[in-house]
Amino acid sequence: MSQRLTVDWFRILADLKTAGLGIYAVSDLIDVPKATLMGWKNSGAEPRYSAGERLVELWCATVKRHRGDLPKEVAPISAAKI
């Protein structure tokens, strides 16, 4: 089984919380329901492109980091998902 790097959405949301933006504030700022954000954070779900881009832009601006600094995690590539 191969592996790939994916954005660690849990870490992005945790970083934003540490910076003072709770889940409700993030929800309002990127126009995504709180329940959707919780799915990204807790269940391993991934955002659609436009919502993910808004979250990445918010993370970059809030934590003063560049897109290349996004936290990543190793995700296995399953033959069943290909």
PDB file of N, CA and C in Angstrom:
ATOM      1  N   MET A   1       0.841  -1.168   0.000  1.00  0.00           N
ATOM      2  CA  MET A   1       0.000   0.000   0.000  1.00  0.00           C
ATOM      3  C   MET A   1       0.894   1.241   0.000  1.00  0.00           C
ATOM      4  N   SER A   2       0.611   2.164  -0.895  1.00  0.00           N
ATOM      5  CA  SER A   2       1.371   3.408  -0.995  1.00  0.00           C
ATOM      6  C   SER A   2       0.844   4.434  -0.001  1.00  0.00           C
ATOM      7  N   GLN A   3       1.591   5.521   0.123  1.00  0.00           N
ATOM      8  CA  GLN A   3       1.174   6.593   1.013  1.00  0.00           C
ATOM      9  C   GLN A   3       1.256   7.914   0.264  1.00  0.00           C
ATOM     10  N   ARG A   4       0.483   8.892   0.723  1.00  0.00           N
ATOM     11  CA  ARG A   4       0.535  10.224   0.144  1.00  0.00           C
ATOM     12  C   ARG A   4       0.413  11.244   1.268  1.00  0.00           C
ATOM     13  N   LEU A   5       0.915  12.442   1.025  1.00  0.00           N
ATOM     14  CA  LEU A   5       0.776  13.523   1.994  1.00  0.00           C
ATOM     15  C   LEU A   5      -0.508  14.280   1.716  1.00  0.00           C
ATOM     16  N   THR A   6      -1.259  14.538   2.763  1.00  0.00           N
ATOM     17  CA  THR A   6      -2.476  15.342   2.649  1.00  0.00           C
ATOM     18  C   THR A   6      -2.418  16.455   3.689  1.00  0.00           C
ATOM     19  N   VAL A   7      -3.221  17.461   3.486  1.00  0.00           N
ATOM     20  CA  VAL A   7      -3.299  18.549   4.456  1.00  0.00           C
ATOM     21  C   VAL A   7      -3.909  18.011   5.746  1.00  0.00           C
ATOM     22  N   ASP A   8      -3.321  18.388   6.857  1.00  0.00           N
ATOM     23  CA  ASP A   8      -3.821  17.977   8.171  1.00  0.00           C
ATOM     24  C   ASP A   8      -4.848  19.014   8.638  1.00  0.00           C
ATOM     25  N   TRP A   9      -6.107  18.793   8.272  1.00  0.00           N
ATOM     26  CA  TRP A   9      -7.168  19.755   8.579  1.00  0.00           C
ATOM     27  C   TRP A   9      -7.375  19.893  10.078  1.00  0.00           C
ATOM     28  N   PHE A  10      -7.193  18.804  10.822  1.00  0.00           N
ATOM     29  CA  PHE A  10      -7.292  18.870  12.283  1.00  0.00           C
ATOM     30  C   PHE A  10      -6.294  19.892  12.826  1.00  0.00           C
ATOM     31  N   ARG A  11      -5.068  19.802  12.364  1.00  0.00           N
ATOM     32  CA  ARG A  11      -4.013  20.697  12.855  1.00  0.00           C
ATOM     33  C   ARG A  11      -4.276  22.152  12.474  1.00  0.00           C
ATOM     34  N   ILE A  12      -4.780  22.359  11.252  1.00  0.00           N
ATOM     35  CA  ILE A  12      -5.095  23.720  10.830  1.00  0.00           C
ATOM     36  C   ILE A  12      -6.136  24.333  11.766  1.00  0.00           C
ATOM     37  N   LEU A  13      -7.196  23.586  12.044  1.00  0.00           N
ATOM     38  CA  LEU A  13      -8.236  24.098  12.943  1.00  0.00           C
ATOM     39  C   LEU A  13      -7.715  24.259  14.370  1.00  0.00           C
ATOM     40  N   ALA A  14      -6.843  23.368  14.802  1.00  0.00           N
ATOM     41  CA  ALA A  14      -6.239  23.494  16.139  1.00  0.00           C
ATOM     42  C   ALA A  14      -5.344  24.731  16.206  1.00  0.00           C
ATOM     43  N   ASP A  15      -4.570  24.982  15.151  1.00  0.00           N
ATOM     44  CA  ASP A  15      -3.721  26.178  15.113  1.00  0.00           C
ATOM     45  C   ASP A  15      -4.562  27.452  15.180  1.00  0.00           C
ATOM     46  N   LEU A  16      -5.678  27.458  14.458  1.00  0.00           N
ATOM     47  CA  LEU A  16      -6.552  28.630  14.474  1.00  0.00           C
ATOM     48  C   LEU A  16      -7.151  28.845  15.869  1.00  0.00           C
ATOM     49  N   LYS A  17      -7.509  27.747  16.521  1.00  0.00           N
ATOM     50  CA  LYS A  17      -8.049  27.866  17.890  1.00  0.00           C
ATOM     51  C   LYS A  17      -6.980  28.428  18.822  1.00  0.00           C
ATOM     52  N   THR A  18      -5.766  27.938  18.699  1.00  0.00           N
ATOM     53  CA  THR A  18      -4.654  28.440  19.525  1.00  0.00           C
ATOM     54  C   THR A  18      -4.433  29.930  19.284  1.00  0.00           C
ATOM     55  N   ALA A  19      -4.657  30.363  18.044  1.00  0.00           N
ATOM     56  CA  ALA A  19      -4.485  31.776  17.695  1.00  0.00           C
ATOM     57  C   ALA A  19      -5.683  32.632  18.111  1.00  0.00           C
ATOM     58  N   GLY A  20      -6.700  32.013  18.705  1.00  0.00           N
ATOM     59  CA  GLY A  20      -7.830  32.762  19.221  1.00  0.00           C
ATOM     60  C   GLY A  20      -9.099  32.698  18.376  1.00  0.00           C
ATOM     61  N   LEU A  21      -9.091  31.889  17.319  1.00  0.00           N
ATOM     62  CA  LEU A  21     -10.283  31.740  16.488  1.00  0.00           C
ATOM     63  C   LEU A  21     -10.933  30.397  16.770  1.00  0.00           C
ATOM     64  N   GLY A  22     -12.015  30.425  17.494  1.00  0.00           N
ATOM     65  CA  GLY A  22     -12.754  29.200  17.776  1.00  0.00           C
ATOM     66  C   GLY A  22     -13.527  28.731  16.559  1.00  0.00           C
ATOM     67  N   ILE A  23     -14.172  27.597  16.691  1.00  0.00           N
ATOM     68  CA  ILE A  23     -14.864  26.968  15.568  1.00  0.00           C
ATOM     69  C   ILE A  23     -15.996  27.848  15.040  1.00  0.00           C
ATOM     70  N   TYR A  24     -16.692  28.580  15.927  1.00  0.00           N
ATOM     71  CA  TYR A  24     -17.766  29.461  15.474  1.00  0.00           C
ATOM     72  C   TYR A  24     -17.219  30.631  14.654  1.00  0.00           C
ATOM     73  N   ALA A  25     -16.111  31.207  15.085  1.00  0.00           N
ATOM     74  CA  ALA A  25     -15.499  32.313  14.349  1.00  0.00           C
ATOM     75  C   ALA A  25     -15.013  31.842  12.978  1.00  0.00           C
ATOM     76  N   VAL A  26     -14.360  30.688  12.938  1.00  0.00           N
ATOM     77  CA  VAL A  26     -13.882  30.151  11.662  1.00  0.00           C
ATOM     78  C   VAL A  26     -15.077  29.888  10.742  1.00  0.00           C
ATOM     79  N   SER A  27     -16.123  29.316  11.288  1.00  0.00           N
ATOM     80  CA  SER A  27     -17.329  29.046  10.520  1.00  0.00           C
ATOM     81  C   SER A  27     -17.863  30.325   9.869  1.00  0.00           C
ATOM     82  N   ASP A  28     -17.941  31.380  10.635  1.00  0.00           N
ATOM     83  CA  ASP A  28     -18.425  32.661  10.103  1.00  0.00           C
ATOM     84  C   ASP A  28     -17.468  33.246   9.066  1.00  0.00           C
ATOM     85  N   LEU A  29     -16.182  33.187   9.343  1.00  0.00           N
ATOM     86  CA  LEU A  29     -15.185  33.810   8.460  1.00  0.00           C
ATOM     87  C   LEU A  29     -15.063  33.130   7.106  1.00  0.00           C
ATOM     88  N   ILE A  30     -15.232  31.812   7.060  1.00  0.00           N
ATOM     89  CA  ILE A  30     -15.078  31.121   5.768  1.00  0.00           C
ATOM     90  C   ILE A  30     -16.418  30.645   5.204  1.00  0.00           C
ATOM     91  N   ASP A  31     -17.500  30.981   5.890  1.00  0.00           N
ATOM     92  CA  ASP A  31     -18.851  30.663   5.433  1.00  0.00           C
ATOM     93  C   ASP A  31     -19.056  29.162   5.207  1.00  0.00           C
ATOM     94  N   VAL A  32     -18.723  28.405   6.244  1.00  0.00           N
ATOM     95  CA  VAL A  32     -18.910  26.954   6.239  1.00  0.00           C
ATOM     96  C   VAL A  32     -19.592  26.590   7.557  1.00  0.00           C
ATOM     97  N   PRO A  33     -20.624  25.742   7.529  1.00  0.00           N
ATOM     98  CA  PRO A  33     -21.303  25.377   8.776  1.00  0.00           C
ATOM     99  C   PRO A  33     -20.352  24.754   9.805  1.00  0.00           C
ATOM    100  N   LYS A  34     -20.629  25.032  11.062  1.00  0.00           N
ATOM    101  CA  LYS A  34     -19.816  24.494  12.156  1.00  0.00           C
ATOM    102  C   LYS A  34     -19.745  22.964  12.086  1.00  0.00           C
ATOM    103  N   ALA A  35     -20.858  22.325  11.789  1.00  0.00           N
ATOM    104  CA  ALA A  35     -20.877  20.860  11.720  1.00  0.00           C
ATOM    105  C   ALA A  35     -19.931  20.336  10.638  1.00  0.00           C
ATOM    106  N   THR A  36     -19.829  21.060   9.546  1.00  0.00           N
ATOM    107  CA  THR A  36     -18.909  20.665   8.471  1.00  0.00           C
ATOM    108  C   THR A  36     -17.469  20.772   8.956  1.00  0.00           C
ATOM    109  N   LEU A  37     -17.156  21.869   9.635  1.00  0.00           N
ATOM    110  CA  LEU A  37     -15.799  22.037  10.182  1.00  0.00           C
ATOM    111  C   LEU A  37     -15.463  20.918  11.164  1.00  0.00           C
ATOM    112  N   MET A  38     -16.426  20.544  11.980  1.00  0.00           N
ATOM    113  CA  MET A  38     -16.193  19.472  12.946  1.00  0.00           C
ATOM    114  C   MET A  38     -15.924  18.154  12.221  1.00  0.00           C
ATOM    115  N   GLY A  39     -16.572  17.934  11.096  1.00  0.00           N
ATOM    116  CA  GLY A  39     -16.302  16.741  10.297  1.00  0.00           C
ATOM    117  C   GLY A  39     -14.884  16.735   9.765  1.00  0.00           C
ATOM    118  N   TRP A  40     -14.400  17.895   9.327  1.00  0.00           N
ATOM    119  CA  TRP A  40     -13.017  17.985   8.844  1.00  0.00           C
ATOM    120  C   TRP A  40     -12.048  17.727   9.988  1.00  0.00           C
ATOM    121  N   LYS A  41     -12.406  18.220  11.152  1.00  0.00           N
ATOM    122  CA  LYS A  41     -11.503  18.115  12.301  1.00  0.00           C
ATOM    123  C   LYS A  41     -11.498  16.721  12.908  1.00  0.00           C
ATOM    124  N   ASN A  42     -12.656  16.104  13.027  1.00  0.00           N
ATOM    125  CA  ASN A  42     -12.747  14.881  13.813  1.00  0.00           C
ATOM    126  C   ASN A  42     -12.911  13.589  13.027  1.00  0.00           C
ATOM    127  N   SER A  43     -13.412  13.669  11.811  1.00  0.00           N
ATOM    128  CA  SER A  43     -13.695  12.406  11.119  1.00  0.00           C
ATOM    129  C   SER A  43     -12.808  12.138   9.919  1.00  0.00           C
ATOM    130  N   GLY A  44     -11.884  13.029   9.662  1.00  0.00           N
ATOM    131  CA  GLY A  44     -10.996  12.806   8.533  1.00  0.00           C
ATOM    132  C   GLY A  44     -11.597  13.196   7.199  1.00  0.00           C
ATOM    133  N   ALA A  45     -12.766  13.836   7.221  1.00  0.00           N
ATOM    134  CA  ALA A  45     -13.368  14.313   5.979  1.00  0.00           C
ATOM    135  C   ALA A  45     -12.511  15.448   5.419  1.00  0.00           C
ATOM    136  N   GLU A  46     -12.571  15.632   4.117  1.00  0.00           N
ATOM    137  CA  GLU A  46     -11.811  16.698   3.474  1.00  0.00           C
ATOM    138  C   GLU A  46     -12.768  17.700   2.852  1.00  0.00           C
ATOM    139  N   PRO A  47     -12.385  18.980   2.892  1.00  0.00           N
ATOM    140  CA  PRO A  47     -13.261  20.006   2.325  1.00  0.00           C
ATOM    141  C   PRO A  47     -13.256  19.999   0.806  1.00  0.00           C
ATOM    142  N   ARG A  48     -14.300  20.570   0.248  1.00  0.00           N
ATOM    143  CA  ARG A  48     -14.302  20.849  -1.182  1.00  0.00           C
ATOM    144  C   ARG A  48     -13.240  21.905  -1.445  1.00  0.00           C
ATOM    145  N   TYR A  49     -12.827  22.007  -2.688  1.00  0.00           N
ATOM    146  CA  TYR A  49     -11.708  22.888  -3.027  1.00  0.00           C
ATOM    147  C   TYR A  49     -11.895  24.320  -2.527  1.00  0.00           C
ATOM    148  N   SER A  50     -13.016  24.951  -2.863  1.00  0.00           N
ATOM    149  CA  SER A  50     -13.188  26.365  -2.522  1.00  0.00           C
ATOM    150  C   SER A  50     -13.217  26.590  -1.010  1.00  0.00           C
ATOM    151  N   ALA A  51     -13.873  25.713  -0.280  1.00  0.00           N
ATOM    152  CA  ALA A  51     -13.910  25.850   1.180  1.00  0.00           C
ATOM    153  C   ALA A  51     -12.534  25.596   1.779  1.00  0.00           C
ATOM    154  N   GLY A  52     -11.823  24.618   1.260  1.00  0.00           N
ATOM    155  CA  GLY A  52     -10.472  24.342   1.732  1.00  0.00           C
ATOM    156  C   GLY A  52      -9.540  25.512   1.467  1.00  0.00           C
ATOM    157  N   GLU A  53      -9.687  26.131   0.304  1.00  0.00           N
ATOM    158  CA  GLU A  53      -8.871  27.310  -0.023  1.00  0.00           C
ATOM    159  C   GLU A  53      -9.135  28.451   0.946  1.00  0.00           C
ATOM    160  N   ARG A  54     -10.409  28.678   1.275  1.00  0.00           N
ATOM    161  CA  ARG A  54     -10.734  29.749   2.229  1.00  0.00           C
ATOM    162  C   ARG A  54     -10.122  29.457   3.598  1.00  0.00           C
ATOM    163  N   LEU A  55     -10.153  28.190   4.006  1.00  0.00           N
ATOM    164  CA  LEU A  55      -9.570  27.827   5.301  1.00  0.00           C
ATOM    165  C   LEU A  55      -8.054  27.985   5.270  1.00  0.00           C
ATOM    166  N   VAL A  56      -7.428  27.585   4.189  1.00  0.00           N
ATOM    167  CA  VAL A  56      -5.967  27.732   4.064  1.00  0.00           C
ATOM    168  C   VAL A  56      -5.586  29.213   4.097  1.00  0.00           C
ATOM    169  N   GLU A  57      -6.321  30.053   3.362  1.00  0.00           N
ATOM    170  CA  GLU A  57      -6.029  31.492   3.364  1.00  0.00           C
ATOM    171  C   GLU A  57      -6.183  32.084   4.764  1.00  0.00           C
ATOM    172  N   LEU A  58      -7.221  31.672   5.479  1.00  0.00           N
ATOM    173  CA  LEU A  58      -7.418  32.150   6.846  1.00  0.00           C
ATOM    174  C   LEU A  58      -6.267  31.699   7.735  1.00  0.00           C
ATOM    175  N   TRP A  59      -5.862  30.441   7.610  1.00  0.00           N
ATOM    176  CA  TRP A  59      -4.755  29.907   8.409  1.00  0.00           C
ATOM    177  C   TRP A  59      -3.481  30.698   8.136  1.00  0.00           C
ATOM    178  N   CYS A  60      -3.169  30.909   6.860  1.00  0.00           N
ATOM    179  CA  CYS A  60      -1.948  31.648   6.497  1.00  0.00           C
ATOM    180  C   CYS A  60      -1.954  33.053   7.098  1.00  0.00           C
ATOM    181  N   ALA A  61      -3.078  33.747   6.965  1.00  0.00           N
ATOM    182  CA  ALA A  61      -3.169  35.114   7.468  1.00  0.00           C
ATOM    183  C   ALA A  61      -3.131  35.172   8.990  1.00  0.00           C
ATOM    184  N   THR A  62      -3.735  34.195   9.639  1.00  0.00           N
ATOM    185  CA  THR A  62      -3.849  34.217  11.095  1.00  0.00           C
ATOM    186  C   THR A  62      -2.557  33.809  11.783  1.00  0.00           C
ATOM    187  N   VAL A  63      -1.939  32.746  11.307  1.00  0.00           N
ATOM    188  CA  VAL A  63      -0.731  32.247  11.981  1.00  0.00           C
ATOM    189  C   VAL A  63       0.550  32.787  11.346  1.00  0.00           C
ATOM    190  N   LYS A  64       0.382  33.636  10.332  1.00  0.00           N
ATOM    191  CA  LYS A  64       1.517  34.292   9.656  1.00  0.00           C
ATOM    192  C   LYS A  64       2.507  33.274   9.096  1.00  0.00           C
ATOM    193  N   ARG A  65       1.955  32.304   8.387  1.00  0.00           N
ATOM    194  CA  ARG A  65       2.776  31.269   7.749  1.00  0.00           C
ATOM    195  C   ARG A  65       2.434  31.248   6.267  1.00  0.00           C
ATOM    196  N   HIS A  66       3.276  30.589   5.499  1.00  0.00           N
ATOM    197  CA  HIS A  66       3.066  30.472   4.063  1.00  0.00           C
ATOM    198  C   HIS A  66       2.381  29.156   3.737  1.00  0.00           C
ATOM    199  N   ARG A  67       1.775  29.109   2.578  1.00  0.00           N
ATOM    200  CA  ARG A  67       1.097  27.913   2.099  1.00  0.00           C
ATOM    201  C   ARG A  67       2.015  26.686   2.142  1.00  0.00           C
ATOM    202  N   GLY A  68       3.281  26.880   1.857  1.00  0.00           N
ATOM    203  CA  GLY A  68       4.235  25.774   1.907  1.00  0.00           C
ATOM    204  C   GLY A  68       4.462  25.220   3.305  1.00  0.00           C
ATOM    205  N   ASP A  69       4.023  25.957   4.316  1.00  0.00           N
ATOM    206  CA  ASP A  69       4.170  25.530   5.710  1.00  0.00           C
ATOM    207  C   ASP A  69       2.963  24.761   6.232  1.00  0.00           C
ATOM    208  N   LEU A  70       1.973  24.515   5.366  1.00  0.00           N
ATOM    209  CA  LEU A  70       0.770  23.809   5.817  1.00  0.00           C
ATOM    210  C   LEU A  70       1.130  22.502   6.499  1.00  0.00           C
ATOM    211  N   PRO A  71       0.487  22.218   7.622  1.00  0.00           N
ATOM    212  CA  PRO A  71       0.741  20.931   8.277  1.00  0.00           C
ATOM    213  C   PRO A  71       0.214  19.792   7.405  1.00  0.00           C
ATOM    214  N   LYS A  72       1.007  18.753   7.301  1.00  0.00           N
ATOM    215  CA  LYS A  72       0.655  17.597   6.466  1.00  0.00           C
ATOM    216  C   LYS A  72       0.627  16.338   7.319  1.00  0.00           C
ATOM    217  N   GLU A  73      -0.087  15.349   6.803  1.00  0.00           N
ATOM    218  CA  GLU A  73      -0.104  14.036   7.430  1.00  0.00           C
ATOM    219  C   GLU A  73       0.010  12.994   6.330  1.00  0.00           C
ATOM    220  N   VAL A  74       0.512  11.857   6.695  1.00  0.00           N
ATOM    221  CA  VAL A  74       0.635  10.754   5.742  1.00  0.00           C
ATOM    222  C   VAL A  74      -0.677   9.987   5.716  1.00  0.00           C
ATOM    223  N   ALA A  75      -1.221   9.823   4.535  1.00  0.00           N
ATOM    224  CA  ALA A  75      -2.477   9.082   4.368  1.00  0.00           C
ATOM    225  C   ALA A  75      -2.217   7.904   3.440  1.00  0.00           C
ATOM    226  N   PRO A  76      -2.635   6.729   3.832  1.00  0.00           N
ATOM    227  CA  PRO A  76      -2.439   5.574   2.947  1.00  0.00           C
ATOM    228  C   PRO A  76      -3.324   5.693   1.707  1.00  0.00           C
ATOM    229  N   ILE A  77      -2.822   5.199   0.600  1.00  0.00           N
ATOM    230  CA  ILE A  77      -3.617   5.140  -0.609  1.00  0.00           C
ATOM    231  C   ILE A  77      -4.179   3.731  -0.702  1.00  0.00           C
ATOM    232  N   SER A  78      -5.474   3.649  -0.653  1.00  0.00           N
ATOM    233  CA  SER A  78      -6.146   2.359  -0.695  1.00  0.00           C
ATOM    234  C   SER A  78      -6.544   2.029  -2.122  1.00  0.00           C
ATOM    235  N   ALA A  79      -6.303   0.811  -2.527  1.00  0.00           N
ATOM    236  CA  ALA A  79      -6.707   0.374  -3.860  1.00  0.00           C
ATOM    237  C   ALA A  79      -8.212   0.479  -4.027  1.00  0.00           C
ATOM    238  N   ALA A  80      -8.950   0.358  -2.942  1.00  0.00           N
ATOM    239  CA  ALA A  80     -10.410   0.437  -2.994  1.00  0.00           C
ATOM    240  C   ALA A  80     -10.881   1.834  -3.314  1.00  0.00           C
ATOM    241  N   LYS A  81     -10.066   2.850  -3.022  1.00  0.00           N
ATOM    242  CA  LYS A  81     -10.457   4.238  -3.261  1.00  0.00           C
ATOM    243  C   LYS A  81      -9.977   4.754  -4.603  1.00  0.00           C
ATOM    244  N   ILE A  82      -9.213   3.982  -5.310  1.00  0.00           N
ATOM    245  CA  ILE A  82      -8.679   4.440  -6.609  1.00  0.00           C
ATOM    246  C   ILE A  82      -9.691   4.212  -7.696  1.00  0.00           C
TER     247      ILE A  82
END
